[in-house]
Amino acid sequence: MRNDLSGLDQFDQAILTALAEDGRISVTDLARKIGLSKSPTQARLKRLEADGIITGYRVMLDPIRLGLDHVAFVEVRLTDTREKALAEFNAAVRKVAEIEQAHMIASNFDYLLKIRTRSMSEYRTVLAEKISSLPHVANTSTFVAMEAVKETGLLAPLENG
């Protein structure tokens, strides 16, 4: 039975939820978990990949254990918000390794960036040498995170209702 909002049935949703929790789960274990046999589970998995719903698989690293425990959120206001300027800013942001996330925002600022570094000193260098020199940056405001309360990387439940 298809879900009208997403076009995914309960088995597709169960596959996505299971993979979001454990991307290394075997097809056999995935099939057992969702209540189908291996062949239809594998066919559904291939279809979800072919349809671009599953865009890839990656390992989740613990940034704290890697020494990257300084997180700052940066509001960025641009001098120009025409399409060409936005495209230039977006392309430049993608090249800065310390920018973990970048979101265009509907607010009194234009972008919200999540920056991850080893220390406040390293962040100050990234801000001064990389973020402030991005195309069309007018000004920035920084908010330092004291603690991550929730960072799952998982999507909200896919079910309707």
C-alpha atoms as a PDB file:
ATOM      1  CA  MET A   1       0.000   0.000   0.000  1.00  0.00           C
ATOM      2  CA  ARG A   2       1.520   3.328  -1.095  1.00  0.00           C
ATOM      3  CA  ASN A   3       1.922   6.359   1.143  1.00  0.00           C
ATOM      4  CA  ASP A   4       0.317   9.326  -0.678  1.00  0.00           C
ATOM      5  CA  LEU A   5       2.794  11.901   0.642  1.00  0.00           C
ATOM      6  CA  SER A   6       6.063  10.216  -0.170  1.00  0.00           C
ATOM      7  CA  GLY A   7       5.221   7.423  -2.606  1.00  0.00           C
ATOM      8  CA  LEU A   8       6.909   4.978  -0.241  1.00  0.00           C
ATOM      9  CA  ASP A   9       5.117   2.023   1.298  1.00  0.00           C
ATOM     10  CA  GLN A  10       5.707   0.651   4.786  1.00  0.00           C
ATOM     11  CA  PHE A  11       8.507  -1.662   3.625  1.00  0.00           C
ATOM     12  CA  ASP A  12      10.370   1.157   1.848  1.00  0.00           C
ATOM     13  CA  GLN A  13      10.020   3.304   4.969  1.00  0.00           C
ATOM     14  CA  ALA A  14      11.264   0.457   7.152  1.00  0.00           C
ATOM     15  CA  ILE A  15      14.296  -0.021   4.883  1.00  0.00           C
ATOM     16  CA  LEU A  16      15.179   3.680   5.078  1.00  0.00           C
ATOM     17  CA  THR A  17      14.760   3.775   8.848  1.00  0.00           C
ATOM     18  CA  ALA A  18      16.896   0.658   9.339  1.00  0.00           C
ATOM     19  CA  LEU A  19      19.637   1.968   7.049  1.00  0.00           C
ATOM     20  CA  ALA A  20      19.629   5.370   8.749  1.00  0.00           C
ATOM     21  CA  GLU A  21      20.251   3.578  12.034  1.00  0.00           C
ATOM     22  CA  ASP A  22      22.846   1.133  10.639  1.00  0.00           C
ATOM     23  CA  GLY A  23      24.111   1.663   7.094  1.00  0.00           C
ATOM     24  CA  ARG A  24      26.240  -1.489   7.328  1.00  0.00           C
ATOM     25  CA  ILE A  25      23.354  -3.860   8.018  1.00  0.00           C
ATOM     26  CA  SER A  26      23.485  -6.884   5.714  1.00  0.00           C
ATOM     27  CA  VAL A  27      20.663  -7.429   3.239  1.00  0.00           C
ATOM     28  CA  THR A  28      19.810 -10.661   5.071  1.00  0.00           C
ATOM     29  CA  ASP A  29      19.507  -8.859   8.424  1.00  0.00           C
ATOM     30  CA  LEU A  30      17.651  -5.972   6.778  1.00  0.00           C
ATOM     31  CA  ALA A  31      15.153  -8.397   5.232  1.00  0.00           C
ATOM     32  CA  ARG A  32      14.608 -10.081   8.590  1.00  0.00           C
ATOM     33  CA  LYS A  33      14.168  -6.727  10.311  1.00  0.00           C
ATOM     34  CA  ILE A  34      11.520  -5.444   7.880  1.00  0.00           C
ATOM     35  CA  GLY A  35       9.696  -8.754   7.458  1.00  0.00           C
ATOM     36  CA  LEU A  36      10.436  -9.582   3.817  1.00  0.00           C
ATOM     37  CA  SER A  37      12.621 -12.199   2.186  1.00  0.00           C
ATOM     38  CA  LYS A  38      16.069 -11.277   0.885  1.00  0.00           C
ATOM     39  CA  SER A  39      15.242 -10.991  -2.854  1.00  0.00           C
ATOM     40  CA  PRO A  40      12.387  -8.463  -2.567  1.00  0.00           C
ATOM     41  CA  THR A  41      14.360  -6.514   0.034  1.00  0.00           C
ATOM     42  CA  GLN A  42      17.353  -6.343  -2.293  1.00  0.00           C
ATOM     43  CA  ALA A  43      15.131  -5.287  -5.221  1.00  0.00           C
ATOM     44  CA  ARG A  44      13.565  -2.527  -3.115  1.00  0.00           C
ATOM     45  CA  LEU A  45      16.990  -1.372  -1.973  1.00  0.00           C
ATOM     46  CA  LYS A  46      18.222  -1.154  -5.579  1.00  0.00           C
ATOM     47  CA  ARG A  47      15.074   0.767  -6.586  1.00  0.00           C
ATOM     48  CA  LEU A  48      15.503   3.240  -3.698  1.00  0.00           C
ATOM     49  CA  GLU A  49      19.098   3.786  -4.845  1.00  0.00           C
ATOM     50  CA  ALA A  50      18.129   4.091  -8.540  1.00  0.00           C
ATOM     51  CA  ASP A  51      15.337   6.546  -7.686  1.00  0.00           C
ATOM     52  CA  GLY A  52      17.840   8.746  -5.821  1.00  0.00           C
ATOM     53  CA  ILE A  53      16.128   8.334  -2.450  1.00  0.00           C
ATOM     54  CA  ILE A  54      19.254   6.631  -1.125  1.00  0.00           C
ATOM     55  CA  THR A  55      22.066   8.839  -2.355  1.00  0.00           C
ATOM     56  CA  GLY A  56      25.005   7.018  -0.780  1.00  0.00           C
ATOM     57  CA  TYR A  57      26.496   5.443   2.301  1.00  0.00           C
ATOM     58  CA  ARG A  58      29.064   6.954   4.623  1.00  0.00           C
ATOM     59  CA  VAL A  59      30.722   6.360   7.930  1.00  0.00           C
ATOM     60  CA  MET A  60      29.788   8.533  10.901  1.00  0.00           C
ATOM     61  CA  LEU A  61      32.888   9.850  12.663  1.00  0.00           C
ATOM     62  CA  ASP A  62      33.021  11.010  16.267  1.00  0.00           C
ATOM     63  CA  PRO A  63      34.299  14.583  15.982  1.00  0.00           C
ATOM     64  CA  ILE A  64      35.017  14.791  19.726  1.00  0.00           C
ATOM     65  CA  ARG A  65      37.367  11.798  19.627  1.00  0.00           C
ATOM     66  CA  LEU A  66      39.034  13.380  16.593  1.00  0.00           C
ATOM     67  CA  GLY A  67      39.678  16.555  18.589  1.00  0.00           C
ATOM     68  CA  LEU A  68      37.104  18.628  16.706  1.00  0.00           C
ATOM     69  CA  ASP A  69      35.023  19.625  19.713  1.00  0.00           C
ATOM     70  CA  HIS A  70      34.680  23.358  19.085  1.00  0.00           C
ATOM     71  CA  VAL A  71      31.397  24.111  17.305  1.00  0.00           C
ATOM     72  CA  ALA A  72      30.304  27.560  16.232  1.00  0.00           C
ATOM     73  CA  PHE A  73      27.232  28.650  14.340  1.00  0.00           C
ATOM     74  CA  VAL A  74      27.757  31.675  12.153  1.00  0.00           C
ATOM     75  CA  GLU A  75      25.081  33.955  10.774  1.00  0.00           C
ATOM     76  CA  VAL A  76      26.260  35.439   7.493  1.00  0.00           C
ATOM     77  CA  ARG A  77      24.804  38.502   5.826  1.00  0.00           C
ATOM     78  CA  LEU A  78      25.704  39.081   2.199  1.00  0.00           C
ATOM     79  CA  THR A  79      26.180  42.350   0.340  1.00  0.00           C
ATOM     80  CA  ASP A  80      24.381  40.937  -2.696  1.00  0.00           C
ATOM     81  CA  THR A  81      21.644  38.290  -2.814  1.00  0.00           C
ATOM     82  CA  ARG A  82      21.082  38.058  -6.538  1.00  0.00           C
ATOM     83  CA  GLU A  83      21.359  34.563  -8.040  1.00  0.00           C
ATOM     84  CA  LYS A  84      24.900  35.028  -9.358  1.00  0.00           C
ATOM     85  CA  ALA A  85      26.165  36.192  -5.959  1.00  0.00           C
ATOM     86  CA  LEU A  86      24.407  33.342  -4.164  1.00  0.00           C
ATOM     87  CA  ALA A  87      25.927  30.814  -6.580  1.00  0.00           C
ATOM     88  CA  GLU A  88      29.405  32.280  -6.035  1.00  0.00           C
ATOM     89  CA  PHE A  89      28.975  32.178  -2.246  1.00  0.00           C
ATOM     90  CA  ASN A  90      27.623  28.601  -2.351  1.00  0.00           C
ATOM     91  CA  ALA A  91      30.509  27.371  -4.499  1.00  0.00           C
ATOM     92  CA  ALA A  92      33.075  28.977  -2.201  1.00  0.00           C
ATOM     93  CA  VAL A  93      31.437  27.565   0.949  1.00  0.00           C
ATOM     94  CA  ARG A  94      31.656  24.026  -0.449  1.00  0.00           C
ATOM     95  CA  LYS A  95      35.457  24.390  -0.580  1.00  0.00           C
ATOM     96  CA  VAL A  96      35.922  25.248   3.127  1.00  0.00           C
ATOM     97  CA  ALA A  97      36.542  22.003   5.011  1.00  0.00           C
ATOM     98  CA  GLU A  98      35.696  23.461   8.428  1.00  0.00           C
ATOM     99  CA  ILE A  99      32.154  24.335   7.306  1.00  0.00           C
ATOM    100  CA  GLU A 100      30.217  21.220   8.290  1.00  0.00           C
ATOM    101  CA  GLN A 101      26.816  22.582   7.239  1.00  0.00           C
ATOM    102  CA  ALA A 102      25.582  25.638   5.360  1.00  0.00           C
ATOM    103  CA  HIS A 103      21.947  26.649   5.063  1.00  0.00           C
ATOM    104  CA  MET A 104      20.336  29.544   3.220  1.00  0.00           C
ATOM    105  CA  ILE A 105      17.938  31.101   5.723  1.00  0.00           C
ATOM    106  CA  ALA A 106      14.761  33.167   5.399  1.00  0.00           C
ATOM    107  CA  SER A 107      15.558  35.694   8.121  1.00  0.00           C
ATOM    108  CA  ASN A 108      17.329  38.979   8.737  1.00  0.00           C
ATOM    109  CA  PHE A 109      20.561  37.197   7.730  1.00  0.00           C
ATOM    110  CA  ASP A 110      21.223  35.088   4.640  1.00  0.00           C
ATOM    111  CA  TYR A 111      23.089  31.931   5.710  1.00  0.00           C
ATOM    112  CA  LEU A 112      23.662  29.878   8.827  1.00  0.00           C
ATOM    113  CA  LEU A 113      26.947  27.969   8.883  1.00  0.00           C
ATOM    114  CA  LYS A 114      28.009  25.239  11.284  1.00  0.00           C
ATOM    115  CA  ILE A 115      31.763  25.379  11.767  1.00  0.00           C
ATOM    116  CA  ARG A 116      33.745  22.649  13.514  1.00  0.00           C
ATOM    117  CA  THR A 117      37.342  23.238  14.647  1.00  0.00           C
ATOM    118  CA  ARG A 118      39.769  22.104  17.346  1.00  0.00           C
ATOM    119  CA  SER A 119      39.711  25.300  19.401  1.00  0.00           C
ATOM    120  CA  MET A 120      38.515  28.891  19.672  1.00  0.00           C
ATOM    121  CA  SER A 121      41.894  30.010  18.367  1.00  0.00           C
ATOM    122  CA  GLU A 122      41.548  27.815  15.276  1.00  0.00           C
ATOM    123  CA  TYR A 123      37.976  29.055  14.800  1.00  0.00           C
ATOM    124  CA  ARG A 124      39.152  32.685  14.910  1.00  0.00           C
ATOM    125  CA  THR A 125      41.634  31.909  12.121  1.00  0.00           C
ATOM    126  CA  VAL A 126      38.961  30.163  10.033  1.00  0.00           C
ATOM    127  CA  LEU A 127      36.612  33.119  10.546  1.00  0.00           C
ATOM    128  CA  ALA A 128      39.231  35.708   9.661  1.00  0.00           C
ATOM    129  CA  GLU A 129      40.936  33.936   6.775  1.00  0.00           C
ATOM    130  CA  LYS A 130      38.197  31.824   5.216  1.00  0.00           C
ATOM    131  CA  ILE A 131      34.652  32.816   6.158  1.00  0.00           C
ATOM    132  CA  SER A 132      35.123  36.575   6.110  1.00  0.00           C
ATOM    133  CA  SER A 133      36.812  36.342   2.718  1.00  0.00           C
ATOM    134  CA  LEU A 134      34.004  34.356   1.093  1.00  0.00           C
ATOM    135  CA  PRO A 135      32.387  36.210  -1.832  1.00  0.00           C
ATOM    136  CA  HIS A 136      29.862  38.921  -0.929  1.00  0.00           C
ATOM    137  CA  VAL A 137      30.149  38.588   2.877  1.00  0.00           C
ATOM    138  CA  ALA A 138      29.032  41.824   4.531  1.00  0.00           C
ATOM    139  CA  ASN A 139      29.225  40.679   8.157  1.00  0.00           C
ATOM    140  CA  THR A 140      28.991  37.695  10.457  1.00  0.00           C
ATOM    141  CA  SER A 141      27.745  36.889  13.948  1.00  0.00           C
ATOM    142  CA  THR A 142      29.085  33.892  15.853  1.00  0.00           C
ATOM    143  CA  PHE A 143      27.331  31.681  18.395  1.00  0.00           C
ATOM    144  CA  VAL A 144      29.504  29.110  20.163  1.00  0.00           C
ATOM    145  CA  ALA A 145      27.851  25.814  21.103  1.00  0.00           C
ATOM    146  CA  MET A 146      28.556  24.681  24.649  1.00  0.00           C
ATOM    147  CA  GLU A 147      27.139  21.174  24.248  1.00  0.00           C
ATOM    148  CA  ALA A 148      25.410  19.124  21.549  1.00  0.00           C
ATOM    149  CA  VAL A 149      22.196  17.891  23.133  1.00  0.00           C
ATOM    150  CA  LYS A 150      21.032  15.965  20.049  1.00  0.00           C
ATOM    151  CA  GLU A 151      22.897  15.179  16.837  1.00  0.00           C
ATOM    152  CA  THR A 152      21.594  11.965  15.351  1.00  0.00           C
ATOM    153  CA  GLY A 153      21.891  12.426  11.621  1.00  0.00           C
ATOM    154  CA  LEU A 154      18.650  10.446  11.376  1.00  0.00           C
ATOM    155  CA  LEU A 155      15.539  11.618   9.570  1.00  0.00           C
ATOM    156  CA  ALA A 156      12.252  12.131  11.362  1.00  0.00           C
ATOM    157  CA  PRO A 157       9.891   9.147  11.176  1.00  0.00           C
ATOM    158  CA  LEU A 158       8.653   8.649   7.633  1.00  0.00           C
ATOM    159  CA  GLU A 159       5.205   7.346   8.536  1.00  0.00           C
ATOM    160  CA  ASN A 160       2.083   9.429   7.980  1.00  0.00           C
ATOM    161  CA  GLY A 161      -0.288  10.331  10.738  1.00  0.00           C
END
